[in-house]
C-alpha atoms as a PDB file:
ATOM      1  CA  MET A   1      -4.719  -3.241  -8.169  1.00  0.00           C
ATOM      2  CA  ASN A   2      -2.753   0.005  -8.221  1.00  0.00           C
ATOM      3  CA  LYS A   3      -0.709   0.722  -5.142  1.00  0.00           C
ATOM      4  CA  LEU A   4      -1.108   4.228  -3.757  1.00  0.00           C
ATOM      5  CA  THR A   5       2.113   6.206  -4.027  1.00  0.00           C
ATOM      6  CA  ASN A   6       3.141   9.134  -1.865  1.00  0.00           C
ATOM      7  CA  PHE A   7       1.868  12.601  -2.783  1.00  0.00           C
ATOM      8  CA  SER A   8       4.183  15.589  -2.630  1.00  0.00           C
ATOM      9  CA  ILE A   9       4.145  19.226  -3.744  1.00  0.00           C
ATOM     10  CA  ASP A  10       7.037  21.571  -3.010  1.00  0.00           C
ATOM     11  CA  ALA A  11       6.362  24.831  -1.194  1.00  0.00           C
ATOM     12  CA  THR A  12       6.415  28.186  -2.964  1.00  0.00           C
ATOM     13  CA  THR A  13       6.092  31.689  -1.566  1.00  0.00           C
ATOM     14  CA  LYS A  14       2.296  31.322  -1.802  1.00  0.00           C
ATOM     15  CA  THR A  15       1.690  27.600  -1.406  1.00  0.00           C
ATOM     16  CA  PRO A  16       2.526  25.107   1.335  1.00  0.00           C
ATOM     17  CA  GLN A  17       4.647  22.028   1.177  1.00  0.00           C
ATOM     18  CA  ILE A  18       2.310  19.068   0.898  1.00  0.00           C
ATOM     19  CA  ASP A  19       3.856  15.740   1.847  1.00  0.00           C
ATOM     20  CA  PHE A  20       1.439  12.824   2.197  1.00  0.00           C
ATOM     21  CA  ASN A  21       3.183   9.526   2.945  1.00  0.00           C
ATOM     22  CA  ASN A  22       1.112   6.412   2.337  1.00  0.00           C
ATOM     23  CA  PHE A  23       3.677   4.159   4.007  1.00  0.00           C
ATOM     24  CA  THR A  24       3.911   6.003   7.338  1.00  0.00           C
ATOM     25  CA  GLY A  25       0.502   7.702   7.562  1.00  0.00           C
ATOM     26  CA  GLU A  26       2.215  11.104   7.956  1.00  0.00           C
ATOM     27  CA  LEU A  27       0.242  13.827   6.157  1.00  0.00           C
ATOM     28  CA  ILE A  28       2.005  17.204   6.306  1.00  0.00           C
ATOM     29  CA  LEU A  29       0.931  20.680   5.235  1.00  0.00           C
ATOM     30  CA  SER A  30       3.493  23.345   6.108  1.00  0.00           C
ATOM     31  CA  GLY A  31       4.280  26.922   5.143  1.00  0.00           C
ATOM     32  CA  LYS A  32       1.952  29.591   3.765  1.00  0.00           C
ATOM     33  CA  SER A  33      -1.247  28.792   1.924  1.00  0.00           C
ATOM     34  CA  ILE A  34      -2.427  31.771  -0.075  1.00  0.00           C
ATOM     35  CA  PRO A  35      -2.686  30.252  -3.562  1.00  0.00           C
ATOM     36  CA  GLU A  36      -4.325  32.142  -6.388  1.00  0.00           C
ATOM     37  CA  ASN A  37      -6.285  28.989  -7.223  1.00  0.00           C
ATOM     38  CA  ALA A  38      -6.852  26.869  -4.106  1.00  0.00           C
ATOM     39  CA  ALA A  39      -8.818  24.231  -6.029  1.00  0.00           C
ATOM     40  CA  LYS A  40      -5.891  23.618  -8.389  1.00  0.00           C
ATOM     41  CA  LEU A  41      -3.606  23.058  -5.400  1.00  0.00           C
ATOM     42  CA  TYR A  42      -5.867  21.107  -3.061  1.00  0.00           C
ATOM     43  CA  GLU A  43      -8.125  19.084  -5.369  1.00  0.00           C
ATOM     44  CA  PRO A  44      -5.377  16.543  -6.232  1.00  0.00           C
ATOM     45  CA  ALA A  45      -4.492  16.345  -2.517  1.00  0.00           C
ATOM     46  CA  LEU A  46      -8.121  15.635  -1.631  1.00  0.00           C
ATOM     47  CA  GLU A  47      -8.322  12.976  -4.363  1.00  0.00           C
ATOM     48  CA  TRP A  48      -5.241  11.324  -2.844  1.00  0.00           C
ATOM     49  CA  ILE A  49      -6.803  11.453   0.653  1.00  0.00           C
ATOM     50  CA  ASN A  50      -9.965   9.794  -0.672  1.00  0.00           C
ATOM     51  CA  LYS A  51      -7.837   6.904  -1.963  1.00  0.00           C
ATOM     52  CA  TYR A  52      -5.744   6.761   1.223  1.00  0.00           C
ATOM     53  CA  ILE A  53      -8.735   6.354   3.554  1.00  0.00           C
ATOM     54  CA  ILE A  54      -9.701   3.095   1.827  1.00  0.00           C
ATOM     55  CA  ASN A  55      -6.608   1.381   3.253  1.00  0.00           C
ATOM     56  CA  SER A  56      -5.156   3.811   5.785  1.00  0.00           C
ATOM     57  CA  LYS A  57      -2.478   3.137   8.354  1.00  0.00           C
ATOM     58  CA  PRO A  58      -3.557   2.259  11.938  1.00  0.00           C
ATOM     59  CA  VAL A  59      -2.403   5.750  12.995  1.00  0.00           C
ATOM     60  CA  THR A  60      -2.707   8.728  10.654  1.00  0.00           C
ATOM     61  CA  ASN A  61      -0.974  11.971  11.650  1.00  0.00           C
ATOM     62  CA  LEU A  62      -2.246  15.114   9.937  1.00  0.00           C
ATOM     63  CA  ARG A  63       0.332  17.820  10.675  1.00  0.00           C
ATOM     64  CA  LEU A  64      -0.895  21.359  10.007  1.00  0.00           C
ATOM     65  CA  ASN A  65       2.090  23.644  10.384  1.00  0.00           C
ATOM     66  CA  LEU A  66       0.714  26.588   8.428  1.00  0.00           C
ATOM     67  CA  GLU A  67       1.977  30.029   9.351  1.00  0.00           C
ATOM     68  CA  TYR A  68      -0.872  31.617   7.406  1.00  0.00           C
ATOM     69  CA  PHE A  69      -3.749  30.423   5.228  1.00  0.00           C
ATOM     70  CA  ASN A  70      -6.532  32.246   3.443  1.00  0.00           C
ATOM     71  CA  THR A  71     -10.255  31.476   3.452  1.00  0.00           C
ATOM     72  CA  ALA A  72     -10.138  29.438   0.249  1.00  0.00           C
ATOM     73  CA  SER A  73      -7.364  27.286   1.714  1.00  0.00           C
ATOM     74  CA  SER A  74      -9.280  26.787   4.963  1.00  0.00           C
ATOM     75  CA  ILE A  75     -12.230  25.409   2.988  1.00  0.00           C
ATOM     76  CA  TRP A  76     -10.018  22.844   1.270  1.00  0.00           C
ATOM     77  CA  ILE A  77      -8.188  21.929   4.478  1.00  0.00           C
ATOM     78  CA  SER A  78     -11.598  21.363   6.090  1.00  0.00           C
ATOM     79  CA  LYS A  79     -12.545  19.078   3.185  1.00  0.00           C
ATOM     80  CA  ILE A  80      -9.353  17.091   3.721  1.00  0.00           C
ATOM     81  CA  MET A  81     -10.075  16.742   7.446  1.00  0.00           C
ATOM     82  CA  LYS A  82     -13.696  15.768   6.736  1.00  0.00           C
ATOM     83  CA  SER A  83     -12.528  13.049   4.336  1.00  0.00           C
ATOM     84  CA  LEU A  84     -10.140  11.694   6.959  1.00  0.00           C
ATOM     85  CA  THR A  85     -13.092  11.237   9.329  1.00  0.00           C
ATOM     86  CA  GLN A  86     -14.297   8.565   6.923  1.00  0.00           C
ATOM     87  CA  ILE A  87     -11.360   6.235   7.560  1.00  0.00           C
ATOM     88  CA  ASN A  88     -13.476   3.113   7.717  1.00  0.00           C
ATOM     89  CA  ASN A  89     -11.950   1.413  10.741  1.00  0.00           C
ATOM     90  CA  PRO A  90     -13.048   2.265  14.288  1.00  0.00           C
ATOM     91  CA  ASP A  91      -9.770   0.789  15.615  1.00  0.00           C
ATOM     92  CA  ASN A  92      -7.712   3.346  13.691  1.00  0.00           C
ATOM     93  CA  LEU A  93      -6.590   6.652  15.138  1.00  0.00           C
ATOM     94  CA  LEU A  94      -6.427  10.057  13.462  1.00  0.00           C
ATOM     95  CA  ILE A  95      -4.266  12.633  15.226  1.00  0.00           C
ATOM     96  CA  VAL A  96      -4.389  16.251  14.060  1.00  0.00           C
ATOM     97  CA  HIS A  97      -1.266  18.198  15.010  1.00  0.00           C
ATOM     98  CA  LEU A  98      -1.622  22.000  15.046  1.00  0.00           C
ATOM     99  CA  TYR A  99       1.361  24.323  15.330  1.00  0.00           C
ATOM    100  CA  VAL A 100       0.802  27.871  16.622  1.00  0.00           C
ATOM    101  CA  PRO A 101       3.074  30.711  17.735  1.00  0.00           C
ATOM    102  CA  LEU A 102       4.048  30.609  21.404  1.00  0.00           C
ATOM    103  CA  GLU A 103       2.113  33.830  22.134  1.00  0.00           C
ATOM    104  CA  GLU A 104      -1.152  32.319  20.845  1.00  0.00           C
ATOM    105  CA  TYR A 105      -0.525  29.112  22.765  1.00  0.00           C
ATOM    106  CA  ASP A 106       0.114  31.020  25.995  1.00  0.00           C
ATOM    107  CA  ASP A 107      -3.163  32.935  25.529  1.00  0.00           C
ATOM    108  CA  LEU A 108      -5.026  29.631  25.925  1.00  0.00           C
ATOM    109  CA  ASN A 109      -5.057  29.704  29.726  1.00  0.00           C
ATOM    110  CA  GLU A 110      -8.346  28.067  30.586  1.00  0.00           C
ATOM    111  CA  ILE A 111      -9.969  24.842  29.420  1.00  0.00           C
ATOM    112  CA  ASP A 112     -12.726  26.971  27.846  1.00  0.00           C
ATOM    113  CA  ASP A 113     -10.107  28.824  25.789  1.00  0.00           C
ATOM    114  CA  ILE A 114      -8.729  25.526  24.520  1.00  0.00           C
ATOM    115  CA  ARG A 115     -12.232  24.244  23.794  1.00  0.00           C
ATOM    116  CA  ASP A 116     -13.053  27.440  21.856  1.00  0.00           C
ATOM    117  CA  PHE A 117      -9.769  27.197  19.932  1.00  0.00           C
ATOM    118  CA  PHE A 118     -10.543  23.638  18.837  1.00  0.00           C
ATOM    119  CA  GLU A 119     -14.275  24.181  18.201  1.00  0.00           C
ATOM    120  CA  PRO A 120     -14.065  24.563  14.400  1.00  0.00           C
ATOM    121  CA  ILE A 121     -12.070  21.339  14.229  1.00  0.00           C
ATOM    122  CA  THR A 122     -14.228  19.411  16.678  1.00  0.00           C
ATOM    123  CA  ASN A 123     -17.289  20.335  14.611  1.00  0.00           C
ATOM    124  CA  ILE A 124     -15.693  18.592  11.624  1.00  0.00           C
ATOM    125  CA  PHE A 125     -15.002  15.472  13.698  1.00  0.00           C
ATOM    126  CA  GLN A 126     -18.474  14.996  15.192  1.00  0.00           C
ATOM    127  CA  ASN A 127     -19.378  11.835  13.250  1.00  0.00           C
ATOM    128  CA  THR A 128     -16.012  10.176  12.841  1.00  0.00           C
ATOM    129  CA  ILE A 129     -15.368   6.494  12.361  1.00  0.00           C
ATOM    130  CA  PRO A 130     -11.757   6.397  13.657  1.00  0.00           C
ATOM    131  CA  GLY A 131     -10.694   7.638  17.064  1.00  0.00           C
ATOM    132  CA  VAL A 132      -9.500  11.253  16.947  1.00  0.00           C
ATOM    133  CA  GLY A 133      -6.858  13.115  18.922  1.00  0.00           C
ATOM    134  CA  LEU A 134      -5.830  16.749  18.660  1.00  0.00           C
ATOM    135  CA  LYS A 135      -2.354  17.887  19.591  1.00  0.00           C
ATOM    136  CA  LEU A 136      -1.479  21.564  19.909  1.00  0.00           C
ATOM    137  CA  TYR A 137       2.146  22.699  19.717  1.00  0.00           C
ATOM    138  CA  ALA A 138       3.637  26.069  20.638  1.00  0.00           C
ATOM    139  CA  ILE A 139       6.483  27.090  18.369  1.00  0.00           C
ATOM    140  CA  ASN A 140       9.032  29.828  18.942  1.00  0.00           C
ATOM    141  CA  ASP A 141      10.411  32.279  16.368  1.00  0.00           C
ATOM    142  CA  ASP A 142      12.801  29.587  15.107  1.00  0.00           C
ATOM    143  CA  SER A 143       9.861  27.199  14.470  1.00  0.00           C
ATOM    144  CA  GLU A 144      10.978  24.929  17.315  1.00  0.00           C
ATOM    145  CA  VAL A 145       8.333  23.212  19.421  1.00  0.00           C
ATOM    146  CA  VAL A 146       8.569  24.502  22.996  1.00  0.00           C
ATOM    147  CA  LYS A 147       5.244  23.328  24.511  1.00  0.00           C
ATOM    148  CA  ASP A 148       2.431  20.944  23.661  1.00  0.00           C
ATOM    149  CA  THR A 149      -1.014  19.800  24.770  1.00  0.00           C
ATOM    150  CA  ILE A 150      -3.060  16.796  23.664  1.00  0.00           C
ATOM    151  CA  VAL A 151      -6.832  16.460  23.584  1.00  0.00           C
ATOM    152  CA  LEU A 152      -8.492  13.123  22.836  1.00  0.00           C
ATOM    153  CA  MET A 153     -12.014  13.036  21.488  1.00  0.00           C
END
């Protein structure tokens, strides 16, 4: 049986850093995601995710710290999130960490604003096997976390 190794791609000016750690359950996408060929970038990442979910860690943290992503990237990121919903253990937990600029975070004043912000993600997680939590972080201009909110589903 082949043991799943970590998956890593260095960031470029147009592509994010991808750092998926099989040993810790930390799955990180950070930077800009405006690749010329999103499939070439994300297809190997999705293949890795599909292997990871077979024997995932009790807690998987998907950290989306993307300052900008295009439509093609959003489709692939959605596919990755959808695959993670198939972690086949109801005792496991999937936490999605989203990082947004402080101004956007502060605009989310009411519970309805937060619900609307998370709606595209919650639609993906409607029929999940593991428990799911969403954590929203406000980051300042130096990319430091200054506020956070958690939502459990």
